[in-house]
C-alpha cells in the first residue's frame, strides 16, 4: 500500500467530540466520492512519537508544511501482492510511479475541494 497525507486545519473550538466527527465527514465523503479506497483522519500529534524508525525528516512533518494544521487526512492505494512480490522489477517500478502519480492527483483535488469549501463557508 502506498500512502500520502494532506495536512489540514480541522479545528474543533468547542472541544466537542461530535463537532470533530462532523468536521471529518466532509473530507471523508469527498474521498469516498473520488473512489479513494483507504482514507483516515488523525491528529498531527501522531508525528511526535514515530511508530517506527527511521522516520521521515522533520521538514516533511505536517506542522512543517502547514503550521496551523491540527489534523491530517491520510489516503492510500493498494499495491497488488503479485506485483509487490516482483520488487525490484520493472513491473513494480512502473506501478509505484503510477500509484504515486494518482496519490498526487487525489491530494491535489482534495486540497482544492477543501479550499473551495472553506472559502464558501466564510
PDB file of N, CA and C in Angstrom:
ATOM      1  N   UNK A   1       0.840  -1.157   0.000  1.00  0.00           N
ATOM      2  CA  UNK A   1       0.000   0.000   0.000  1.00  0.00           C
ATOM      3  C   UNK A   1       0.892   1.229   0.000  1.00  0.00           C
ATOM      4  N   UNK A   2       0.562   2.174  -0.848  1.00  0.00           N
ATOM      5  CA  UNK A   2       1.244   3.465  -0.847  1.00  0.00           C
ATOM      6  C   UNK A   2       0.338   4.478  -0.173  1.00  0.00           C
ATOM      7  N   UNK A   3       0.939   5.355   0.655  1.00  0.00           N
ATOM      8  CA  UNK A   3       0.177   6.344   1.398  1.00  0.00           C
ATOM      9  C   UNK A   3       0.635   7.749   1.068  1.00  0.00           C
ATOM     10  N   UNK A   4      -0.259   8.676   1.256  1.00  0.00           N
ATOM     11  CA  UNK A   4       0.036  10.087   1.096  1.00  0.00           C
ATOM     12  C   UNK A   4      -0.788  10.820   2.146  1.00  0.00           C
ATOM     13  N   UNK A   5      -0.273  11.933   2.658  1.00  0.00           N
ATOM     14  CA  UNK A   5      -1.061  12.665   3.638  1.00  0.00           C
ATOM     15  C   UNK A   5      -1.189  14.125   3.257  1.00  0.00           C
ATOM     16  N   UNK A   6      -2.256  14.737   3.758  1.00  0.00           N
ATOM     17  CA  UNK A   6      -2.586  16.125   3.475  1.00  0.00           C
ATOM     18  C   UNK A   6      -2.853  16.828   4.797  1.00  0.00           C
ATOM     19  N   UNK A   7      -1.951  17.725   5.248  1.00  0.00           N
ATOM     20  CA  UNK A   7      -2.191  18.444   6.499  1.00  0.00           C
ATOM     21  C   UNK A   7      -3.356  19.417   6.336  1.00  0.00           C
ATOM     22  N   UNK A   8      -4.266  19.406   7.279  1.00  0.00           N
ATOM     23  CA  UNK A   8      -5.420  20.293   7.218  1.00  0.00           C
ATOM     24  C   UNK A   8      -5.681  20.891   8.593  1.00  0.00           C
ATOM     25  N   UNK A   9      -6.425  21.963   8.604  1.00  0.00           N
ATOM     26  CA  UNK A   9      -6.765  22.616   9.863  1.00  0.00           C
ATOM     27  C   UNK A   9      -8.195  22.266  10.246  1.00  0.00           C
ATOM     28  N   UNK A  10      -8.421  20.990  10.584  1.00  0.00           N
ATOM     29  CA  UNK A  10      -9.719  20.599  11.119  1.00  0.00           C
ATOM     30  C   UNK A  10      -9.670  20.971  12.588  1.00  0.00           C
ATOM     31  N   UNK A  11     -10.226  22.130  12.891  1.00  0.00           N
ATOM     32  CA  UNK A  11     -10.114  22.701  14.231  1.00  0.00           C
ATOM     33  C   UNK A  11     -11.454  22.568  14.942  1.00  0.00           C
ATOM     34  N   UNK A  12     -11.393  22.122  16.159  1.00  0.00           N
ATOM     35  CA  UNK A  12     -12.580  21.979  16.980  1.00  0.00           C
ATOM     36  C   UNK A  12     -12.476  22.978  18.132  1.00  0.00           C
ATOM     37  N   UNK A  13     -13.127  24.118  17.991  1.00  0.00           N
ATOM     38  CA  UNK A  13     -13.057  25.151  19.022  1.00  0.00           C
ATOM     39  C   UNK A  13     -13.845  24.791  20.274  1.00  0.00           C
ATOM     40  N   UNK A  14     -14.861  23.961  20.131  1.00  0.00           N
ATOM     41  CA  UNK A  14     -15.718  23.636  21.262  1.00  0.00           C
ATOM     42  C   UNK A  14     -15.205  22.453  22.077  1.00  0.00           C
ATOM     43  N   UNK A  15     -14.149  21.799  21.575  1.00  0.00           N
ATOM     44  CA  UNK A  15     -13.632  20.599  22.235  1.00  0.00           C
ATOM     45  C   UNK A  15     -14.747  19.575  22.435  1.00  0.00           C
ATOM     46  N   UNK A  16     -15.634  19.496  21.460  1.00  0.00           N
ATOM     47  CA  UNK A  16     -16.769  18.592  21.498  1.00  0.00           C
ATOM     48  C   UNK A  16     -16.525  17.488  20.481  1.00  0.00           C
ATOM     49  N   UNK A  17     -16.551  16.248  20.938  1.00  0.00           N
ATOM     50  CA  UNK A  17     -16.263  15.101  20.072  1.00  0.00           C
ATOM     51  C   UNK A  17     -17.198  15.049  18.867  1.00  0.00           C
ATOM     52  N   UNK A  18     -18.475  15.369  19.053  1.00  0.00           N
ATOM     53  CA  UNK A  18     -19.423  15.286  17.941  1.00  0.00           C
ATOM     54  C   UNK A  18     -19.112  16.345  16.880  1.00  0.00           C
ATOM     55  N   UNK A  19     -18.636  17.520  17.285  1.00  0.00           N
ATOM     56  CA  UNK A  19     -18.268  18.554  16.329  1.00  0.00           C
ATOM     57  C   UNK A  19     -17.088  18.099  15.487  1.00  0.00           C
ATOM     58  N   UNK A  20     -16.101  17.482  16.113  1.00  0.00           N
ATOM     59  CA  UNK A  20     -14.944  16.965  15.394  1.00  0.00           C
ATOM     60  C   UNK A  20     -15.383  15.917  14.381  1.00  0.00           C
ATOM     61  N   UNK A  21     -16.271  15.025  14.779  1.00  0.00           N
ATOM     62  CA  UNK A  21     -16.765  13.987  13.866  1.00  0.00           C
ATOM     63  C   UNK A  21     -17.509  14.614  12.700  1.00  0.00           C
ATOM     64  N   UNK A  22     -18.284  15.662  12.942  1.00  0.00           N
ATOM     65  CA  UNK A  22     -18.993  16.351  11.863  1.00  0.00           C
ATOM     66  C   UNK A  22     -18.002  16.968  10.873  1.00  0.00           C
ATOM     67  N   UNK A  23     -16.914  17.545  11.387  1.00  0.00           N
ATOM     68  CA  UNK A  23     -15.917  18.158  10.517  1.00  0.00           C
ATOM     69  C   UNK A  23     -15.194  17.113   9.655  1.00  0.00           C
ATOM     70  N   UNK A  24     -15.056  15.915  10.167  1.00  0.00           N
ATOM     71  CA  UNK A  24     -14.392  14.835   9.420  1.00  0.00           C
ATOM     72  C   UNK A  24     -15.267  14.316   8.280  1.00  0.00           C
ATOM     73  N   UNK A  25     -16.578  14.425   8.430  1.00  0.00           N
ATOM     74  CA  UNK A  25     -17.493  13.830   7.460  1.00  0.00           C
ATOM     75  C   UNK A  25     -17.295  14.384   6.046  1.00  0.00           C
ATOM     76  N   UNK A  26     -17.095  15.670   5.908  1.00  0.00           N
ATOM     77  CA  UNK A  26     -16.984  16.281   4.584  1.00  0.00           C
ATOM     78  C   UNK A  26     -15.804  15.713   3.798  1.00  0.00           C
ATOM     79  N   UNK A  27     -14.567  15.747   4.348  1.00  0.00           N
ATOM     80  CA  UNK A  27     -13.469  15.179   3.555  1.00  0.00           C
ATOM     81  C   UNK A  27     -13.589  13.664   3.351  1.00  0.00           C
ATOM     82  N   UNK A  28     -14.129  12.952   4.335  1.00  0.00           N
ATOM     83  CA  UNK A  28     -14.283  11.510   4.180  1.00  0.00           C
ATOM     84  C   UNK A  28     -15.300  11.184   3.083  1.00  0.00           C
ATOM     85  N   UNK A  29     -16.396  11.947   3.029  1.00  0.00           N
ATOM     86  CA  UNK A  29     -17.389  11.744   1.973  1.00  0.00           C
ATOM     87  C   UNK A  29     -16.819  12.099   0.607  1.00  0.00           C
ATOM     88  N   UNK A  30     -16.014  13.160   0.540  1.00  0.00           N
ATOM     89  CA  UNK A  30     -15.396  13.543  -0.725  1.00  0.00           C
ATOM     90  C   UNK A  30     -14.449  12.449  -1.204  1.00  0.00           C
ATOM     91  N   UNK A  31     -13.655  11.892  -0.299  1.00  0.00           N
ATOM     92  CA  UNK A  31     -12.745  10.802  -0.664  1.00  0.00           C
ATOM     93  C   UNK A  31     -13.525   9.605  -1.190  1.00  0.00           C
ATOM     94  N   UNK A  32     -14.640   9.300  -0.540  1.00  0.00           N
ATOM     95  CA  UNK A  32     -15.474   8.186  -0.997  1.00  0.00           C
ATOM     96  C   UNK A  32     -15.996   8.458  -2.400  1.00  0.00           C
ATOM     97  N   UNK A  33     -16.435   9.690  -2.657  1.00  0.00           N
ATOM     98  CA  UNK A  33     -16.956  10.029  -3.988  1.00  0.00           C
ATOM     99  C   UNK A  33     -15.859  10.015  -5.052  1.00  0.00           C
ATOM    100  N   UNK A  34     -14.602  10.168  -4.635  1.00  0.00           N
ATOM    101  CA  UNK A  34     -13.470  10.137  -5.558  1.00  0.00           C
ATOM    102  C   UNK A  34     -12.921   8.713  -5.723  1.00  0.00           C
ATOM    103  N   UNK A  35     -13.580   7.731  -5.106  1.00  0.00           N
ATOM    104  CA  UNK A  35     -13.165   6.318  -5.160  1.00  0.00           C
ATOM    105  C   UNK A  35     -11.780   6.083  -4.568  1.00  0.00           C
ATOM    106  N   UNK A  36     -11.445   6.817  -3.510  1.00  0.00           N
ATOM    107  CA  UNK A  36     -10.196   6.569  -2.787  1.00  0.00           C
ATOM    108  C   UNK A  36     -10.495   5.435  -1.807  1.00  0.00           C
ATOM    109  N   UNK A  37      -9.840   4.283  -1.967  1.00  0.00           N
ATOM    110  CA  UNK A  37     -10.222   3.107  -1.183  1.00  0.00           C
ATOM    111  C   UNK A  37      -9.809   3.125   0.284  1.00  0.00           C
ATOM    112  N   UNK A  38      -8.750   3.848   0.621  1.00  0.00           N
ATOM    113  CA  UNK A  38      -8.289   3.879   2.010  1.00  0.00           C
ATOM    114  C   UNK A  38      -8.117   5.327   2.438  1.00  0.00           C
ATOM    115  N   UNK A  39      -8.798   5.702   3.522  1.00  0.00           N
ATOM    116  CA  UNK A  39      -8.719   7.081   3.994  1.00  0.00           C
ATOM    117  C   UNK A  39      -8.938   7.125   5.500  1.00  0.00           C
ATOM    118  N   UNK A  40      -8.253   8.058   6.141  1.00  0.00           N
ATOM    119  CA  UNK A  40      -8.424   8.257   7.568  1.00  0.00           C
ATOM    120  C   UNK A  40      -8.037   9.681   7.939  1.00  0.00           C
ATOM    121  N   UNK A  41      -8.430  10.096   9.112  1.00  0.00           N
ATOM    122  CA  UNK A  41      -8.082  11.415   9.646  1.00  0.00           C
ATOM    123  C   UNK A  41      -7.451  11.195  11.003  1.00  0.00           C
ATOM    124  N   UNK A  42      -6.327  11.851  11.240  1.00  0.00           N
ATOM    125  CA  UNK A  42      -5.640  11.706  12.522  1.00  0.00           C
ATOM    126  C   UNK A  42      -5.056  13.052  12.952  1.00  0.00           C
ATOM    127  N   UNK A  43      -4.661  13.138  14.191  1.00  0.00           N
ATOM    128  CA  UNK A  43      -4.066  14.350  14.749  1.00  0.00           C
ATOM    129  C   UNK A  43      -2.610  14.480  14.305  1.00  0.00           C
ATOM    130  N   UNK A  44      -2.149  15.723  14.168  1.00  0.00           N
ATOM    131  CA  UNK A  44      -0.730  15.951  13.841  1.00  0.00           C
ATOM    132  C   UNK A  44       0.169  15.483  14.987  1.00  0.00           C
ATOM    133  N   UNK A  45      -0.402  15.280  16.157  1.00  0.00           N
ATOM    134  CA  UNK A  45       0.376  14.805  17.307  1.00  0.00           C
ATOM    135  C   UNK A  45       0.972  13.422  17.059  1.00  0.00           C
ATOM    136  N   UNK A  46       0.421  12.689  16.087  1.00  0.00           N
ATOM    137  CA  UNK A  46       0.954  11.364  15.761  1.00  0.00           C
ATOM    138  C   UNK A  46       2.409  11.434  15.310  1.00  0.00           C
ATOM    139  N   UNK A  47       2.842  12.602  14.839  1.00  0.00           N
ATOM    140  CA  UNK A  47       4.216  12.767  14.367  1.00  0.00           C
ATOM    141  C   UNK A  47       5.182  13.010  15.520  1.00  0.00           C
ATOM    142  N   UNK A  48       4.668  13.242  16.736  1.00  0.00           N
ATOM    143  CA  UNK A  48       5.532  13.480  17.894  1.00  0.00           C
ATOM    144  C   UNK A  48       6.278  12.225  18.330  1.00  0.00           C
ATOM    145  N   UNK A  49       5.640  11.079  18.180  1.00  0.00           N
ATOM    146  CA  UNK A  49       6.232   9.794  18.568  1.00  0.00           C
ATOM    147  C   UNK A  49       6.158   8.842  17.378  1.00  0.00           C
ATOM    148  N   UNK A  50       7.180   8.836  16.544  1.00  0.00           N
ATOM    149  CA  UNK A  50       7.145   7.989  15.348  1.00  0.00           C
ATOM    150  C   UNK A  50       6.898   6.527  15.695  1.00  0.00           C
ATOM    151  N   UNK A  51       6.038   5.855  14.902  1.00  0.00           N
ATOM    152  CA  UNK A  51       5.732   4.450  15.181  1.00  0.00           C
ATOM    153  C   UNK A  51       6.877   3.507  14.826  1.00  0.00           C
ATOM    154  N   UNK A  52       7.819   3.970  14.026  1.00  0.00           N
ATOM    155  CA  UNK A  52       8.976   3.159  13.667  1.00  0.00           C
ATOM    156  C   UNK A  52      10.107   4.081  13.235  1.00  0.00           C
ATOM    157  N   UNK A  53      11.299   3.544  13.244  1.00  0.00           N
ATOM    158  CA  UNK A  53      12.476   4.311  12.820  1.00  0.00           C
ATOM    159  C   UNK A  53      13.176   3.532  11.712  1.00  0.00           C
ATOM    160  N   UNK A  54      13.788   4.140  10.728  1.00  0.00           N
ATOM    161  CA  UNK A  54      13.919   5.586  10.583  1.00  0.00           C
ATOM    162  C   UNK A  54      12.597   6.206  10.167  1.00  0.00           C
ATOM    163  N   UNK A  55      12.381   7.400  10.603  1.00  0.00           N
ATOM    164  CA  UNK A  55      11.167   8.154  10.328  1.00  0.00           C
ATOM    165  C   UNK A  55      11.502   9.222   9.302  1.00  0.00           C
ATOM    166  N   UNK A  56      10.526   9.928   8.821  1.00  0.00           N
ATOM    167  CA  UNK A  56      10.768  10.956   7.808  1.00  0.00           C
ATOM    168  C   UNK A  56      11.439  12.183   8.423  1.00  0.00           C
ATOM    169  N   UNK A  57      12.178  12.943   7.640  1.00  0.00           N
ATOM    170  CA  UNK A  57      12.809  14.174   8.142  1.00  0.00           C
ATOM    171  C   UNK A  57      11.747  15.177   8.605  1.00  0.00           C
ATOM    172  N   UNK A  58      12.081  15.995   9.594  1.00  0.00           N
ATOM    173  CA  UNK A  58      11.124  16.940  10.174  1.00  0.00           C
ATOM    174  C   UNK A  58      10.536  17.920   9.171  1.00  0.00           C
ATOM    175  N   UNK A  59      11.269  18.254   8.124  1.00  0.00           N
ATOM    176  CA  UNK A  59      10.717  19.200   7.147  1.00  0.00           C
ATOM    177  C   UNK A  59       9.516  18.622   6.394  1.00  0.00           C
ATOM    178  N   UNK A  60       9.277  17.318   6.536  1.00  0.00           N
ATOM    179  CA  UNK A  60       8.106  16.693   5.920  1.00  0.00           C
ATOM    180  C   UNK A  60       6.972  16.472   6.911  1.00  0.00           C
ATOM    181  N   UNK A  61       7.159  16.832   8.172  1.00  0.00           N
ATOM    182  CA  UNK A  61       6.092  16.708   9.163  1.00  0.00           C
ATOM    183  C   UNK A  61       4.965  17.665   8.772  1.00  0.00           C
ATOM    184  N   UNK A  62       3.721  17.322   9.090  1.00  0.00           N
ATOM    185  CA  UNK A  62       2.599  18.200   8.748  1.00  0.00           C
ATOM    186  C   UNK A  62       2.767  19.626   9.277  1.00  0.00           C
ATOM    187  N   UNK A  63       3.274  19.768  10.518  1.00  0.00           N
ATOM    188  CA  UNK A  63       3.422  21.097  11.110  1.00  0.00           C
ATOM    189  C   UNK A  63       4.484  21.922  10.379  1.00  0.00           C
ATOM    190  N   UNK A  64       5.443  21.277   9.760  1.00  0.00           N
ATOM    191  CA  UNK A  64       6.468  21.990   8.998  1.00  0.00           C
ATOM    192  C   UNK A  64       5.916  22.475   7.662  1.00  0.00           C
ATOM    193  N   UNK A  65       4.999  21.713   7.095  1.00  0.00           N
ATOM    194  CA  UNK A  65       4.400  22.071   5.807  1.00  0.00           C
ATOM    195  C   UNK A  65       3.313  23.119   6.006  1.00  0.00           C
ATOM    196  N   UNK A  66       2.498  22.933   7.045  1.00  0.00           N
ATOM    197  CA  UNK A  66       1.366  23.822   7.318  1.00  0.00           C
ATOM    198  C   UNK A  66       1.261  23.972   8.841  1.00  0.00           C
ATOM    199  N   UNK A  67       1.921  24.997   9.407  1.00  0.00           N
ATOM    200  CA  UNK A  67       2.000  25.134  10.867  1.00  0.00           C
ATOM    201  C   UNK A  67       0.650  25.167  11.592  1.00  0.00           C
ATOM    202  N   UNK A  68      -0.407  25.620  10.919  1.00  0.00           N
ATOM    203  CA  UNK A  68      -1.722  25.683  11.562  1.00  0.00           C
ATOM    204  C   UNK A  68      -2.439  24.339  11.585  1.00  0.00           C
ATOM    205  N   UNK A  69      -1.874  23.342  10.940  1.00  0.00           N
ATOM    206  CA  UNK A  69      -2.529  22.033  10.843  1.00  0.00           C
ATOM    207  C   UNK A  69      -2.796  21.450  12.225  1.00  0.00           C
ATOM    208  N   UNK A  70      -3.975  20.927  12.384  1.00  0.00           N
ATOM    209  CA  UNK A  70      -4.362  20.230  13.610  1.00  0.00           C
ATOM    210  C   UNK A  70      -4.594  18.750  13.324  1.00  0.00           C
ATOM    211  N   UNK A  71      -4.941  18.468  12.072  1.00  0.00           N
ATOM    212  CA  UNK A  71      -5.259  17.109  11.667  1.00  0.00           C
ATOM    213  C   UNK A  71      -4.614  16.810  10.323  1.00  0.00           C
ATOM    214  N   UNK A  72      -4.594  15.535  10.002  1.00  0.00           N
ATOM    215  CA  UNK A  72      -4.023  15.088   8.740  1.00  0.00           C
ATOM    216  C   UNK A  72      -4.989  14.088   8.113  1.00  0.00           C
ATOM    217  N   UNK A  73      -5.266  14.285   6.839  1.00  0.00           N
ATOM    218  CA  UNK A  73      -6.039  13.308   6.088  1.00  0.00           C
ATOM    219  C   UNK A  73      -5.026  12.389   5.407  1.00  0.00           C
ATOM    220  N   UNK A  74      -5.154  11.100   5.652  1.00  0.00           N
ATOM    221  CA  UNK A  74      -4.237  10.119   5.076  1.00  0.00           C
ATOM    222  C   UNK A  74      -5.015   9.287   4.066  1.00  0.00           C
ATOM    223  N   UNK A  75      -4.480   9.206   2.842  1.00  0.00           N
ATOM    224  CA  UNK A  75      -5.118   8.368   1.834  1.00  0.00           C
ATOM    225  C   UNK A  75      -4.133   7.299   1.380  1.00  0.00           C
ATOM    226  N   UNK A  76      -4.669   6.193   0.936  1.00  0.00           N
ATOM    227  CA  UNK A  76      -3.810   5.109   0.483  1.00  0.00           C
ATOM    228  C   UNK A  76      -4.399   4.377  -0.701  1.00  0.00           C
ATOM    229  N   UNK A  77      -3.524   3.823  -1.498  1.00  0.00           N
ATOM    230  CA  UNK A  77      -3.912   2.998  -2.634  1.00  0.00           C
ATOM    231  C   UNK A  77      -3.200   1.660  -2.514  1.00  0.00           C
ATOM    232  N   UNK A  78      -3.895   0.589  -2.791  1.00  0.00           N
ATOM    233  CA  UNK A  78      -3.280  -0.730  -2.650  1.00  0.00           C
ATOM    234  C   UNK A  78      -2.276  -1.031  -3.756  1.00  0.00           C
ATOM    235  N   UNK A  79      -1.284  -1.826  -3.401  1.00  0.00           N
ATOM    236  CA  UNK A  79      -0.334  -2.356  -4.364  1.00  0.00           C
ATOM    237  C   UNK A  79      -0.628  -3.851  -4.438  1.00  0.00           C
ATOM    238  N   UNK A  80      -1.052  -4.345  -5.600  1.00  0.00           N
ATOM    239  CA  UNK A  80      -1.373  -5.776  -5.699  1.00  0.00           C
ATOM    240  C   UNK A  80      -0.171  -6.645  -5.310  1.00  0.00           C
ATOM    241  N   UNK A  81      -0.431  -7.658  -4.493  1.00  0.00           N
ATOM    242  CA  UNK A  81       0.624  -8.517  -3.975  1.00  0.00           C
ATOM    243  C   UNK A  81       1.479  -9.156  -5.073  1.00  0.00           C
ATOM    244  N   UNK A  82       0.899  -9.666  -6.165  1.00  0.00           N
ATOM    245  CA  UNK A  82       1.760 -10.264  -7.196  1.00  0.00           C
ATOM    246  C   UNK A  82       2.801  -9.280  -7.754  1.00  0.00           C
ATOM    247  N   UNK A  83       2.437  -8.009  -7.886  1.00  0.00           N
ATOM    248  CA  UNK A  83       3.396  -7.017  -8.378  1.00  0.00           C
ATOM    249  C   UNK A  83       4.404  -6.688  -7.284  1.00  0.00           C
ATOM    250  N   UNK A  84       3.922  -6.550  -6.050  1.00  0.00           N
ATOM    251  CA  UNK A  84       4.807  -6.247  -4.928  1.00  0.00           C
ATOM    252  C   UNK A  84       5.886  -7.324  -4.774  1.00  0.00           C
ATOM    253  N   UNK A  85       5.502  -8.550  -4.975  1.00  0.00           N
ATOM    254  CA  UNK A  85       6.449  -9.662  -4.836  1.00  0.00           C
ATOM    255  C   UNK A  85       7.520  -9.680  -5.920  1.00  0.00           C
ATOM    256  N   UNK A  86       7.327  -8.922  -6.997  1.00  0.00           N
ATOM    257  CA  UNK A  86       8.342  -8.889  -8.060  1.00  0.00           C
ATOM    258  C   UNK A  86       9.439  -7.862  -7.778  1.00  0.00           C
ATOM    259  N   UNK A  87       9.259  -7.033  -6.757  1.00  0.00           N
ATOM    260  CA  UNK A  87      10.220  -5.954  -6.476  1.00  0.00           C
ATOM    261  C   UNK A  87      11.587  -6.521  -6.132  1.00  0.00           C
ATOM    262  N   UNK A  88      12.652  -5.950  -6.607  1.00  0.00           N
ATOM    263  CA  UNK A  88      12.709  -4.833  -7.552  1.00  0.00           C
ATOM    264  C   UNK A  88      12.541  -5.348  -8.982  1.00  0.00           C
ATOM    265  N   UNK A  89      11.633  -4.731  -9.702  1.00  0.00           N
ATOM    266  CA  UNK A  89      11.407  -5.125 -11.090  1.00  0.00           C
ATOM    267  C   UNK A  89      10.849  -3.934 -11.849  1.00  0.00           C
ATOM    268  N   UNK A  90      10.820  -4.051 -13.136  1.00  0.00           N
ATOM    269  CA  UNK A  90      10.235  -3.011 -13.979  1.00  0.00           C
ATOM    270  C   UNK A  90       8.740  -2.887 -13.682  1.00  0.00           C
ATOM    271  N   UNK A  91       8.070  -4.022 -13.458  1.00  0.00           N
ATOM    272  CA  UNK A  91       6.638  -4.010 -13.162  1.00  0.00           C
ATOM    273  C   UNK A  91       6.358  -3.210 -11.891  1.00  0.00           C
ATOM    274  N   UNK A  92       7.109  -3.532 -10.861  1.00  0.00           N
ATOM    275  CA  UNK A  92       6.922  -2.835  -9.588  1.00  0.00           C
ATOM    276  C   UNK A  92       7.236  -1.344  -9.741  1.00  0.00           C
ATOM    277  N   UNK A  93       8.322  -1.029 -10.396  1.00  0.00           N
ATOM    278  CA  UNK A  93       8.728   0.371 -10.593  1.00  0.00           C
ATOM    279  C   UNK A  93       7.638   1.155 -11.317  1.00  0.00           C
ATOM    280  N   UNK A  94       7.085   0.590 -12.360  1.00  0.00           N
ATOM    281  CA  UNK A  94       6.036   1.277 -13.130  1.00  0.00           C
ATOM    282  C   UNK A  94       4.771   1.460 -12.292  1.00  0.00           C
ATOM    283  N   UNK A  95       4.386   0.434 -11.547  1.00  0.00           N
ATOM    284  CA  UNK A  95       3.189   0.555 -10.710  1.00  0.00           C
ATOM    285  C   UNK A  95       3.415   1.562  -9.588  1.00  0.00           C
ATOM    286  N   UNK A  96       4.597   1.543  -9.001  1.00  0.00           N
ATOM    287  CA  UNK A  96       4.948   2.503  -7.954  1.00  0.00           C
ATOM    288  C   UNK A  96       4.797   3.934  -8.482  1.00  0.00           C
ATOM    289  N   UNK A  97       5.320   4.201  -9.662  1.00  0.00           N
ATOM    290  CA  UNK A  97       5.196   5.540 -10.263  1.00  0.00           C
ATOM    291  C   UNK A  97       3.745   5.892 -10.553  1.00  0.00           C
ATOM    292  N   UNK A  98       2.987   4.945 -11.047  1.00  0.00           N
ATOM    293  CA  UNK A  98       1.567   5.178 -11.351  1.00  0.00           C
ATOM    294  C   UNK A  98       0.795   5.505 -10.085  1.00  0.00           C
ATOM    295  N   UNK A  99       1.004   4.711  -9.045  1.00  0.00           N
ATOM    296  CA  UNK A  99       0.279   4.931  -7.784  1.00  0.00           C
ATOM    297  C   UNK A  99       0.649   6.287  -7.177  1.00  0.00           C
ATOM    298  N   UNK A 100       1.918   6.647  -7.202  1.00  0.00           N
ATOM    299  CA  UNK A 100       2.309   7.940  -6.645  1.00  0.00           C
ATOM    300  C   UNK A 100       1.768   9.103  -7.455  1.00  0.00           C
ATOM    301  N   UNK A 101       1.643   8.939  -8.766  1.00  0.00           N
ATOM    302  CA  UNK A 101       1.013   9.965  -9.598  1.00  0.00           C
ATOM    303  C   UNK A 101      -0.458  10.103  -9.214  1.00  0.00           C
ATOM    304  N   UNK A 102      -1.131   8.980  -9.032  1.00  0.00           N
ATOM    305  CA  UNK A 102      -2.537   9.023  -8.616  1.00  0.00           C
ATOM    306  C   UNK A 102      -2.691   9.680  -7.245  1.00  0.00           C
ATOM    307  N   UNK A 103      -1.810   9.342  -6.302  1.00  0.00           N
ATOM    308  CA  UNK A 103      -1.875   9.963  -4.972  1.00  0.00           C
ATOM    309  C   UNK A 103      -1.688  11.472  -5.075  1.00  0.00           C
ATOM    310  N   UNK A 104      -0.755  11.912  -5.901  1.00  0.00           N
ATOM    311  CA  UNK A 104      -0.556  13.354  -6.109  1.00  0.00           C
ATOM    312  C   UNK A 104      -1.825  13.995  -6.652  1.00  0.00           C
ATOM    313  N   UNK A 105      -2.465  13.349  -7.618  1.00  0.00           N
ATOM    314  CA  UNK A 105      -3.682  13.895  -8.218  1.00  0.00           C
ATOM    315  C   UNK A 105      -4.828  13.931  -7.216  1.00  0.00           C
ATOM    316  N   UNK A 106      -4.986  12.845  -6.454  1.00  0.00           N
ATOM    317  CA  UNK A 106      -6.044  12.804  -5.441  1.00  0.00           C
ATOM    318  C   UNK A 106      -5.841  13.896  -4.385  1.00  0.00           C
ATOM    319  N   UNK A 107      -4.626  14.037  -3.883  1.00  0.00           N
ATOM    320  CA  UNK A 107      -4.403  15.039  -2.839  1.00  0.00           C
ATOM    321  C   UNK A 107      -4.571  16.451  -3.388  1.00  0.00           C
ATOM    322  N   UNK A 108      -4.181  16.671  -4.639  1.00  0.00           N
ATOM    323  CA  UNK A 108      -4.401  17.992  -5.248  1.00  0.00           C
ATOM    324  C   UNK A 108      -5.890  18.288  -5.333  1.00  0.00           C
ATOM    325  N   UNK A 109      -6.655  17.333  -5.827  1.00  0.00           N
ATOM    326  CA  UNK A 109      -8.110  17.540  -5.965  1.00  0.00           C
ATOM    327  C   UNK A 109      -8.776  17.711  -4.604  1.00  0.00           C
ATOM    328  N   UNK A 110      -8.348  16.933  -3.626  1.00  0.00           N
ATOM    329  CA  UNK A 110      -8.927  17.032  -2.287  1.00  0.00           C
ATOM    330  C   UNK A 110      -8.581  18.375  -1.645  1.00  0.00           C
ATOM    331  N   UNK A 111      -7.323  18.805  -1.761  1.00  0.00           N
ATOM    332  CA  UNK A 111      -6.923  20.111  -1.212  1.00  0.00           C
ATOM    333  C   UNK A 111      -7.697  21.234  -1.876  1.00  0.00           C
ATOM    334  N   UNK A 112      -7.865  21.149  -3.177  1.00  0.00           N
ATOM    335  CA  UNK A 112      -8.627  22.163  -3.906  1.00  0.00           C
ATOM    336  C   UNK A 112     -10.078  22.184  -3.436  1.00  0.00           C
ATOM    337  N   UNK A 113     -10.685  21.028  -3.275  1.00  0.00           N
ATOM    338  CA  UNK A 113     -12.052  20.926  -2.782  1.00  0.00           C
ATOM    339  C   UNK A 113     -12.179  21.544  -1.391  1.00  0.00           C
ATOM    340  N   UNK A 114     -11.257  21.195  -0.485  1.00  0.00           N
ATOM    341  CA  UNK A 114     -11.324  21.724   0.875  1.00  0.00           C
ATOM    342  C   UNK A 114     -11.122  23.231   0.906  1.00  0.00           C
ATOM    343  N   UNK A 115     -10.265  23.745   0.036  1.00  0.00           N
ATOM    344  CA  UNK A 115     -10.046  25.194  -0.039  1.00  0.00           C
ATOM    345  C   UNK A 115     -11.311  25.897  -0.495  1.00  0.00           C
ATOM    346  N   UNK A 116     -11.962  25.338  -1.509  1.00  0.00           N
ATOM    347  CA  UNK A 116     -13.206  25.933  -2.019  1.00  0.00           C
ATOM    348  C   UNK A 116     -14.302  25.830  -0.972  1.00  0.00           C
ATOM    349  N   UNK A 117     -14.424  24.670  -0.306  1.00  0.00           N
ATOM    350  CA  UNK A 117     -15.408  24.501   0.754  1.00  0.00           C
ATOM    351  C   UNK A 117     -15.224  25.541   1.857  1.00  0.00           C
ATOM    352  N   UNK A 118     -13.970  25.743   2.270  1.00  0.00           N
ATOM    353  CA  UNK A 118     -13.665  26.703   3.328  1.00  0.00           C
ATOM    354  C   UNK A 118     -13.993  28.123   2.880  1.00  0.00           C
ATOM    355  N   UNK A 119     -13.706  28.439   1.635  1.00  0.00           N
ATOM    356  CA  UNK A 119     -13.982  29.774   1.095  1.00  0.00           C
ATOM    357  C   UNK A 119     -15.480  30.033   1.072  1.00  0.00           C
ATOM    358  N   UNK A 120     -16.262  29.044   0.680  1.00  0.00           N
ATOM    359  CA  UNK A 120     -17.721  29.184   0.614  1.00  0.00           C
ATOM    360  C   UNK A 120     -18.292  29.418   2.010  1.00  0.00           C
ATOM    361  N   UNK A 121     -17.773  28.724   3.020  1.00  0.00           N
ATOM    362  CA  UNK A 121     -18.289  28.858   4.372  1.00  0.00           C
ATOM    363  C   UNK A 121     -17.969  30.203   4.996  1.00  0.00           C
ATOM    364  N   UNK A 122     -16.906  30.837   4.522  1.00  0.00           N
ATOM    365  CA  UNK A 122     -16.511  32.127   5.107  1.00  0.00           C
ATOM    366  C   UNK A 122     -16.848  33.202   4.145  1.00  0.00           C
TER     367      UNK A 122
END
